[in-house]
Amino acid sequence: MQLDSFTLLVAGTSLLVLLGAVFLFLWIRDRRSSALLWWGIPLIFGGLAISVYTRPGWDTEFFPIAFGNAARIFALGCLWQGVRVFEGRKPAVLALLGICGLWIGLCAIPEFGSNMTARIAVVSSLNALLCYLAAWELWRDRQEILTSRWPSIVVFASFGTLMVIRTALVPIAPFPVGAEALDPNWLAGFMWLVFGHATFSAILFLSMTMERREAEQRSFALSDPLTGLMNRRAFADFAARMGRRRVGSRNAIAIMVLDLDHFKSVNDRFGHEVGDRMLRAFADVSEANVRPSDQLFRMGGEEFCFALPETPLDDAIVVAERIRKAFEASVLDTSVGPAAATVSIGLAATQFAVDIEVLLAAADAAVYEAKARGRNRVVVAEPSSLMRLPAAAEMPPVRRTA
């Protein structure tokens, strides 16, 4: 069955232009996502550049050969740049322009410009390079968990591999895969592969953008804007997750409740701005003295809660003392003199399947005891306090004076 190549090209071009228009519309609505612009323009630009194939005699004229292919190379390169911008890196515009300039320079050589086999092999190699670069940019930031990241890597790597295969098939395959005479069926298959990859990459890129925005919103909802630590709501989520995981578990876990001493007097003497600096300083000191796997929460005011998974009691005491001493040694310079404070720490640890809420209540009672003993100390919860029923821990922590 013969397929109408003109119709295929027009349909494919229209699809790319439409996808590009969607990206531009979304960018107009959210100017912070500049990567959308880097993806919208090349989809439109590349789609229109493909339309040159509908013009009779395109394969014998310098302009459509040199600048038409340069436009398509540039469009694919802009997708690479869009990935770089999405990952927080500067666009490598000079490198992209250099690749396009290399192609135009080669086309200016008569022997190259008149050799379709060489032209297809080179342009396919350049396209493969750009696709692999885009896949590499996504792979470099794989530590950021985005569901659509790996499918996007696969799509770029797949199209790059398709271009490598095309390079190998140039001497024997019909156009547009190779340099032999045009075959409408080969054209249809090739166009489906090109437009399919473009469509999937566009959909996945939009999905990654949405996933990142949702992750940022979740992070904002679960973080304390002053200290950057997680908030009480995040602790509730953490407690629920750990409650499900720790059923029948014998992995050690420690909970620390930390309360800054005489914090009200710091605010009264130095002002709330210095008080905020003090809270940020305590968060910085704490983060510098725990492991990346430890969970730090600001529960409200000057009260904090740290969860140390896989940490037995003796190790937790070492961490608590390290935080206490480091914060005691920290001093803030202010306009009315140096400002310093100390911290009281209550600690509860267990290896058994005790609810996090029970550990929190025990640690909270221990920090209350630390306050009563003179502050600036670590007090370990009595083992008997961990034997209470979980319902007893549902009561809100006792509010302490600074």
Protein backbone atom coordinates (compact mmCIF):
# COMPACT_ATOMS: atom_id res chain seq x y z
CA MET A 1 0.00 0.00 0.00
CA GLN A 2 1.39 3.41 -1.02
CA LEU A 3 1.22 6.16 1.60
CA ASP A 4 0.93 9.84 0.79
CA SER A 5 4.25 11.30 1.95
CA PHE A 6 2.97 14.87 1.67
CA THR A 7 0.07 14.13 4.03
CA LEU A 8 2.39 12.40 6.50
CA LEU A 9 4.76 15.36 6.59
CA VAL A 10 1.97 17.90 7.00
CA ALA A 11 0.34 15.86 9.79
CA GLY A 12 3.65 15.41 11.61
CA THR A 13 4.58 19.05 11.24
CA SER A 14 1.19 20.14 12.58
CA LEU A 15 1.58 17.84 15.59
CA LEU A 16 4.99 19.28 16.53
CA VAL A 17 3.79 22.86 16.10
CA LEU A 18 0.76 22.13 18.27
CA LEU A 19 2.93 20.60 21.00
CA GLY A 20 5.24 23.60 20.84
CA ALA A 21 2.28 25.95 21.21
CA VAL A 22 1.19 24.06 24.34
CA PHE A 23 4.64 24.53 25.87
CA LEU A 24 4.64 28.24 25.07
CA PHE A 25 1.18 28.64 26.58
CA LEU A 26 2.30 26.91 29.78
CA TRP A 27 5.45 29.05 29.90
CA ILE A 28 3.38 32.24 29.59
CA ARG A 29 1.35 31.09 32.58
CA ASP A 30 4.45 30.17 34.61
CA ARG A 31 7.44 32.31 33.62
CA ARG A 32 9.59 30.68 36.30
CA SER A 33 9.71 27.48 34.25
CA SER A 34 11.98 28.83 31.53
CA ALA A 35 12.76 25.27 30.40
CA LEU A 36 9.26 25.20 28.89
CA LEU A 37 10.28 28.02 26.56
CA TRP A 38 13.40 26.12 25.53
CA TRP A 39 11.16 23.20 24.60
CA GLY A 40 8.27 25.10 23.03
CA ILE A 41 10.22 27.13 20.47
CA PRO A 42 12.24 24.20 19.03
CA LEU A 43 9.14 22.05 18.66
CA ILE A 44 7.55 24.75 16.55
CA PHE A 45 10.81 25.59 14.81
CA GLY A 46 11.68 21.96 14.13
CA GLY A 47 8.19 21.15 12.91
CA LEU A 48 8.26 23.99 10.41
CA ALA A 49 11.78 23.02 9.32
CA ILE A 50 10.59 19.52 8.43
CA SER A 51 8.10 21.05 6.01
CA VAL A 52 10.98 21.75 3.63
CA TYR A 53 10.68 18.13 2.51
CA THR A 54 7.34 18.99 0.90
CA ARG A 55 9.07 21.33 -1.54
CA PRO A 56 10.08 19.75 -4.88
CA GLY A 57 13.82 19.79 -5.59
CA TRP A 58 14.85 20.42 -1.99
CA ASP A 59 17.60 17.77 -2.19
CA THR A 60 19.57 19.64 -4.87
CA GLU A 61 19.56 23.18 -3.44
CA PHE A 62 22.11 24.52 -0.98
CA PHE A 63 19.74 26.51 1.23
CA PRO A 64 17.29 23.70 2.18
CA ILE A 65 20.16 21.24 2.55
CA ALA A 66 22.40 23.46 4.67
CA PHE A 67 20.01 25.68 6.59
CA GLY A 68 17.03 23.32 6.65
CA ASN A 69 19.05 20.60 8.36
CA ALA A 70 20.80 23.20 10.53
CA ALA A 71 17.37 24.35 11.71
CA ARG A 72 16.42 20.79 12.66
CA ILE A 73 19.76 20.25 14.40
CA PHE A 74 19.26 23.51 16.28
CA ALA A 75 15.73 22.50 17.28
CA LEU A 76 16.92 19.16 18.65
CA GLY A 77 19.78 20.96 20.39
CA CYS A 78 17.32 23.31 22.06
CA LEU A 79 15.66 20.29 23.63
CA TRP A 80 19.08 19.47 25.10
CA GLN A 81 19.35 23.06 26.33
CA GLY A 82 15.87 22.82 27.82
CA VAL A 83 16.96 19.78 29.83
CA ARG A 84 20.04 21.68 31.06
CA VAL A 85 17.88 24.61 32.17
CA PHE A 86 15.41 22.22 33.81
CA GLU A 87 18.28 20.73 35.82
CA GLY A 88 19.47 24.18 36.92
CA ARG A 89 22.45 24.49 34.57
CA LYS A 90 23.24 27.28 32.16
CA PRO A 91 22.39 26.64 28.50
CA ALA A 92 25.41 25.73 26.38
CA VAL A 93 24.39 28.01 23.52
CA LEU A 94 27.90 28.41 22.05
CA ALA A 95 28.34 24.63 21.84
CA LEU A 96 25.00 24.30 20.06
CA LEU A 97 25.78 27.11 17.63
CA GLY A 98 29.16 25.49 17.01
CA ILE A 99 27.48 22.23 16.02
CA CYS A 100 25.11 24.04 13.66
CA GLY A 101 28.00 26.05 12.24
CA LEU A 102 29.98 22.85 11.65
CA TRP A 103 27.10 21.44 9.62
CA ILE A 104 26.72 24.56 7.47
CA GLY A 105 30.48 24.68 6.93
CA LEU A 106 30.52 21.07 5.73
CA CYS A 107 27.64 21.78 3.36
CA ALA A 108 29.68 24.62 1.83
CA ILE A 109 32.17 22.00 0.61
CA PRO A 110 30.89 20.93 -2.84
CA GLU A 111 31.99 17.31 -2.48
CA PHE A 112 30.08 16.98 0.79
CA GLY A 113 27.03 19.00 -0.26
CA SER A 114 26.44 16.81 -3.29
CA ASN A 115 26.92 13.52 -1.42
CA MET A 116 23.61 12.50 0.19
CA THR A 117 25.15 9.45 1.85
CA ALA A 118 27.69 11.60 3.68
CA ARG A 119 25.08 14.23 4.55
CA ILE A 120 22.67 11.73 6.12
CA ALA A 121 25.47 10.01 8.03
CA VAL A 122 26.77 13.29 9.48
CA VAL A 123 23.41 14.81 10.36
CA SER A 124 22.33 11.54 11.99
CA SER A 125 25.55 11.45 14.03
CA LEU A 126 25.01 15.03 15.20
CA ASN A 127 21.41 14.30 16.14
CA ALA A 128 22.50 11.20 18.04
CA LEU A 129 25.09 13.27 19.92
CA LEU A 130 22.47 15.84 20.98
CA CYS A 131 20.05 13.15 22.14
CA TYR A 132 22.71 11.38 24.19
CA LEU A 133 23.71 14.72 25.73
CA ALA A 134 20.10 15.35 26.78
CA ALA A 135 19.87 11.84 28.26
CA TRP A 136 23.17 12.45 30.08
CA GLU A 137 21.90 15.71 31.60
CA LEU A 138 18.84 13.91 32.98
CA TRP A 139 20.91 11.00 34.26
CA ARG A 140 23.32 13.31 36.10
CA ASP A 141 20.51 14.46 38.41
CA ARG A 142 18.94 11.04 38.93
CA GLN A 143 19.12 11.54 42.71
CA GLU A 144 16.07 13.81 42.36
CA ILE A 145 13.19 11.38 42.37
CA LEU A 146 10.88 12.19 39.47
CA THR A 147 8.71 9.38 38.12
CA SER A 148 9.07 10.54 34.52
CA ARG A 149 12.85 11.02 34.63
CA TRP A 150 13.89 7.51 33.62
CA PRO A 151 11.29 7.19 30.83
CA SER A 152 12.60 10.52 29.48
CA ILE A 153 16.15 9.20 29.56
CA VAL A 154 15.00 6.11 27.69
CA VAL A 155 13.22 8.19 25.02
CA PHE A 156 16.27 10.38 24.34
CA ALA A 157 18.64 7.40 24.36
CA SER A 158 16.25 5.50 22.09
CA PHE A 159 16.14 8.29 19.50
CA GLY A 160 19.90 8.68 19.67
CA THR A 161 20.29 4.94 19.04
CA LEU A 162 17.81 5.22 16.16
CA MET A 163 20.07 7.87 14.60
CA VAL A 164 23.12 5.62 15.06
CA ILE A 165 21.30 2.77 13.32
CA ARG A 166 20.29 5.17 10.56
CA THR A 167 23.95 6.05 10.06
CA ALA A 168 24.78 2.38 9.55
CA LEU A 169 21.87 1.88 7.10
CA VAL A 170 22.60 4.93 4.94
CA PRO A 171 24.25 3.04 2.00
CA ILE A 172 21.48 0.43 1.66
CA ALA A 173 18.19 1.90 2.94
CA PRO A 174 15.66 4.03 1.01
CA PHE A 175 15.26 7.71 1.86
CA PRO A 176 14.66 9.14 4.44
CA VAL A 177 16.51 6.45 6.39
CA GLY A 178 19.21 6.03 3.76
CA ALA A 179 20.44 7.56 0.52
CA GLU A 180 18.56 5.28 -1.89
CA ALA A 181 15.42 6.38 -3.73
CA LEU A 182 12.48 7.59 -1.68
CA ASP A 183 10.11 4.86 -0.47
CA PRO A 184 6.79 6.13 0.96
CA ASN A 185 6.53 3.16 3.34
CA TRP A 186 10.01 3.80 4.74
CA LEU A 187 9.11 7.48 5.01
CA ALA A 188 5.94 6.62 6.93
CA GLY A 189 7.83 4.38 9.35
CA PHE A 190 10.58 6.90 9.86
CA MET A 191 8.13 9.76 10.43
CA TRP A 192 6.17 7.70 12.94
CA LEU A 193 9.40 7.05 14.87
CA VAL A 194 10.44 10.71 14.76
CA PHE A 195 7.06 12.16 15.70
CA GLY A 196 6.43 9.41 18.26
CA HIS A 197 9.69 10.15 20.06
CA ALA A 198 8.99 13.87 19.92
CA THR A 199 5.48 13.42 21.31
CA PHE A 200 6.56 11.12 24.12
CA SER A 201 9.48 13.36 25.08
CA ALA A 202 7.16 16.39 25.20
CA ILE A 203 4.60 14.59 27.36
CA LEU A 204 7.29 13.27 29.71
CA PHE A 205 8.93 16.67 30.02
CA LEU A 206 5.61 18.24 30.96
CA SER A 207 5.10 15.43 33.45
CA MET A 208 8.54 16.03 35.02
CA THR A 209 7.78 19.74 35.31
CA MET A 210 4.50 19.02 37.08
CA GLU A 211 6.11 16.41 39.34
CA ARG A 212 8.80 18.85 40.41
CA ARG A 213 6.25 21.58 41.09
CA GLU A 214 4.16 19.18 43.18
CA ALA A 215 7.28 18.08 45.09
CA GLU A 216 8.16 21.72 45.78
CA GLN A 217 4.65 22.39 47.05
CA ARG A 218 4.77 19.33 49.30
CA SER A 219 8.17 20.39 50.59
CA PHE A 220 6.89 23.90 51.27
CA ALA A 221 3.87 22.54 53.14
CA LEU A 222 6.05 20.25 55.25
CA SER A 223 8.94 22.61 55.98
CA ASP A 224 9.51 25.41 58.44
CA PRO A 225 10.21 28.62 56.47
CA LEU A 226 12.47 30.10 59.16
CA THR A 227 14.89 27.24 59.82
CA GLY A 228 14.42 25.11 56.71
CA LEU A 229 13.77 22.07 58.89
CA MET A 230 10.65 19.97 58.61
CA ASN A 231 7.60 21.06 60.59
CA ARG A 232 5.12 19.42 62.98
CA ARG A 233 2.94 18.26 60.10
CA ALA A 234 5.94 16.52 58.56
CA PHE A 235 6.60 14.83 61.89
CA ALA A 236 3.04 13.49 61.94
CA ASP A 237 3.58 12.02 58.47
CA PHE A 238 6.92 10.58 59.57
CA ALA A 239 5.37 9.03 62.67
CA ALA A 240 2.62 7.43 60.57
CA ARG A 241 5.13 5.97 58.11
CA MET A 242 7.38 4.65 60.86
CA GLY A 243 4.39 3.19 62.67
CA ARG A 244 3.61 1.08 59.62
CA ARG A 245 7.23 0.05 59.07
CA ARG A 246 8.04 -0.79 62.67
CA VAL A 247 5.37 -3.42 63.19
CA GLY A 248 7.36 -6.33 64.58
CA SER A 249 10.62 -4.47 63.97
CA ARG A 250 13.65 -4.67 66.24
CA ASN A 251 15.64 -1.86 64.63
CA ALA A 252 16.89 0.77 67.06
CA ILE A 253 15.47 4.28 66.88
CA ALA A 254 16.00 7.33 69.07
CA ILE A 255 13.83 10.41 69.50
CA MET A 256 15.22 13.65 70.91
CA VAL A 257 13.13 16.59 72.06
CA LEU A 258 15.20 19.76 72.24
CA ASP A 259 14.11 23.04 73.82
CA LEU A 260 16.17 26.23 73.82
CA ASP A 261 16.77 27.58 77.33
CA HIS A 262 15.60 31.05 78.36
CA PHE A 263 14.62 31.80 74.77
CA LYS A 264 12.00 34.33 75.86
CA SER A 265 14.69 36.40 77.54
CA VAL A 266 16.69 36.40 74.28
CA ASN A 267 13.69 37.86 72.47
CA ASP A 268 13.04 40.37 75.25
CA ARG A 269 16.64 41.58 75.42
CA PHE A 270 17.78 41.44 71.79
CA GLY A 271 14.53 41.50 69.83
CA HIS A 272 12.71 38.98 67.72
CA GLU A 273 15.08 39.39 64.76
CA VAL A 274 17.95 38.10 66.90
CA GLY A 275 15.64 35.40 68.23
CA ASP A 276 15.00 34.26 64.65
CA ARG A 277 18.74 34.27 64.00
CA MET A 278 19.20 32.16 67.10
CA LEU A 279 16.69 29.59 65.84
CA ARG A 280 18.41 29.45 62.45
CA ALA A 281 21.80 29.11 64.14
CA PHE A 282 20.52 26.20 66.23
CA ALA A 283 19.17 24.50 63.09
CA ASP A 284 22.53 24.94 61.36
CA VAL A 285 24.44 23.57 64.36
CA SER A 286 22.08 20.59 64.57
CA GLU A 287 22.32 19.74 60.87
CA ALA A 288 26.11 19.88 61.09
CA ASN A 289 26.13 17.29 63.89
CA VAL A 290 23.74 14.63 62.60
CA ARG A 291 23.73 12.18 59.71
CA PRO A 292 21.94 12.80 56.40
CA SER A 293 19.51 10.00 57.30
CA ASP A 294 18.43 11.68 60.56
CA GLN A 295 15.15 13.58 60.53
CA LEU A 296 15.05 17.09 62.04
CA PHE A 297 11.77 18.81 62.86
CA ARG A 298 10.84 22.17 64.33
CA MET A 299 7.73 21.47 66.35
CA GLY A 300 6.95 25.13 67.06
CA GLY A 301 8.50 28.08 68.84
CA GLU A 302 11.85 27.06 70.32
CA GLU A 303 10.96 23.35 70.48
CA PHE A 304 12.51 20.79 68.15
CA CYS A 305 12.32 17.05 67.67
CA PHE A 306 15.00 14.90 66.02
CA ALA A 307 14.49 11.29 64.92
CA LEU A 308 17.59 9.13 64.64
CA PRO A 309 16.81 5.83 62.91
CA GLU A 310 19.11 2.84 63.37
CA THR A 311 20.61 4.54 66.44
CA PRO A 312 21.00 2.76 69.80
CA LEU A 313 20.79 4.72 73.03
CA ASP A 314 24.54 5.12 73.63
CA ASP A 315 25.11 6.55 70.15
CA ALA A 316 22.12 8.86 70.51
CA ILE A 317 23.56 10.25 73.76
CA VAL A 318 26.81 11.05 71.93
CA VAL A 319 24.88 12.92 69.23
CA ALA A 320 22.79 14.82 71.79
CA GLU A 321 25.86 15.91 73.76
CA ARG A 322 27.60 16.96 70.56
CA ILE A 323 24.67 19.18 69.59
CA ARG A 324 24.37 20.61 73.12
CA LYS A 325 28.06 21.52 73.34
CA ALA A 326 28.23 22.95 69.82
CA PHE A 327 25.23 25.19 70.41
CA GLU A 328 26.53 26.29 73.82
CA ALA A 329 29.74 27.42 72.11
CA SER A 330 27.95 29.36 69.35
CA VAL A 331 27.58 33.11 69.84
CA LEU A 332 25.71 35.66 67.73
CA ASP A 333 27.06 39.17 67.26
CA THR A 334 24.37 41.82 67.71
CA SER A 335 24.25 45.61 67.97
CA VAL A 336 23.85 45.38 71.75
CA GLY A 337 26.47 42.72 72.38
CA PRO A 338 26.94 38.97 71.97
CA ALA A 339 23.90 36.73 72.24
CA ALA A 340 24.13 33.11 73.35
CA ALA A 341 21.81 30.39 74.58
CA THR A 342 21.83 26.76 75.61
CA VAL A 343 19.56 23.82 74.92
CA SER A 344 17.94 21.15 77.09
CA ILE A 345 17.52 17.74 75.48
CA GLY A 346 15.25 14.85 76.37
CA LEU A 347 16.10 11.49 74.82
CA ALA A 348 14.19 8.24 74.38
CA ALA A 349 15.41 5.20 72.47
CA THR A 350 14.23 1.64 71.87
CA GLN A 351 14.83 -1.43 69.73
CA PHE A 352 11.26 -2.67 69.99
CA ALA A 353 8.05 -1.89 68.14
CA VAL A 354 7.13 1.14 70.23
CA ASP A 355 4.99 3.84 68.60
CA ILE A 356 6.85 7.01 67.68
CA GLU A 357 4.23 8.95 69.66
CA VAL A 358 5.18 7.01 72.79
CA LEU A 359 8.86 7.77 72.24
CA LEU A 360 7.98 11.44 71.69
CA ALA A 361 6.00 11.60 74.93
CA ALA A 362 8.84 9.95 76.84
CA ALA A 363 11.44 12.30 75.35
CA ASP A 364 9.17 15.25 76.06
CA ALA A 365 8.93 14.25 79.72
CA ALA A 366 12.72 13.86 79.78
CA VAL A 367 13.34 17.36 78.45
CA TYR A 368 10.94 18.69 81.09
CA GLU A 369 13.13 16.93 83.65
CA ALA A 370 16.24 18.49 82.09
CA LYS A 371 14.67 21.92 82.57
CA ALA A 372 13.88 21.12 86.18
CA ARG A 373 17.48 20.02 86.83
CA GLY A 374 18.95 23.35 85.73
CA ARG A 375 18.80 23.26 81.90
CA ASN A 376 21.67 22.82 79.39
CA ARG A 377 21.81 19.07 79.84
CA VAL A 378 20.74 15.77 78.28
CA VAL A 379 18.29 13.59 80.20
CA VAL A 380 17.41 10.07 79.09
CA ALA A 381 13.82 8.93 79.53
CA GLU A 382 13.15 6.23 82.11
CA PRO A 383 12.63 2.82 80.45
CA SER A 384 9.31 2.52 82.28
CA SER A 385 7.99 5.52 80.35
CA LEU A 386 8.18 3.46 77.15
CA MET A 387 5.77 0.89 78.53
CA ARG A 388 2.79 3.23 78.45
CA LEU A 389 -0.02 2.54 76.06
CA PRO A 390 0.09 4.49 72.74
CA ALA A 391 -3.13 6.28 73.71
CA ALA A 392 -1.26 7.99 76.51
CA ALA A 393 1.01 9.56 73.92
CA GLU A 394 -1.85 11.12 72.05
CA MET A 395 -2.00 13.96 74.56
CA PRO A 396 -0.18 17.07 73.30
CA PRO A 397 3.28 17.68 74.79
CA VAL A 398 3.41 19.73 77.98
CA ARG A 399 4.18 23.35 77.20
CA ARG A 400 7.32 24.37 78.99
CA THR A 401 8.66 27.72 79.97
CA ALA A 402 11.90 28.79 78.39
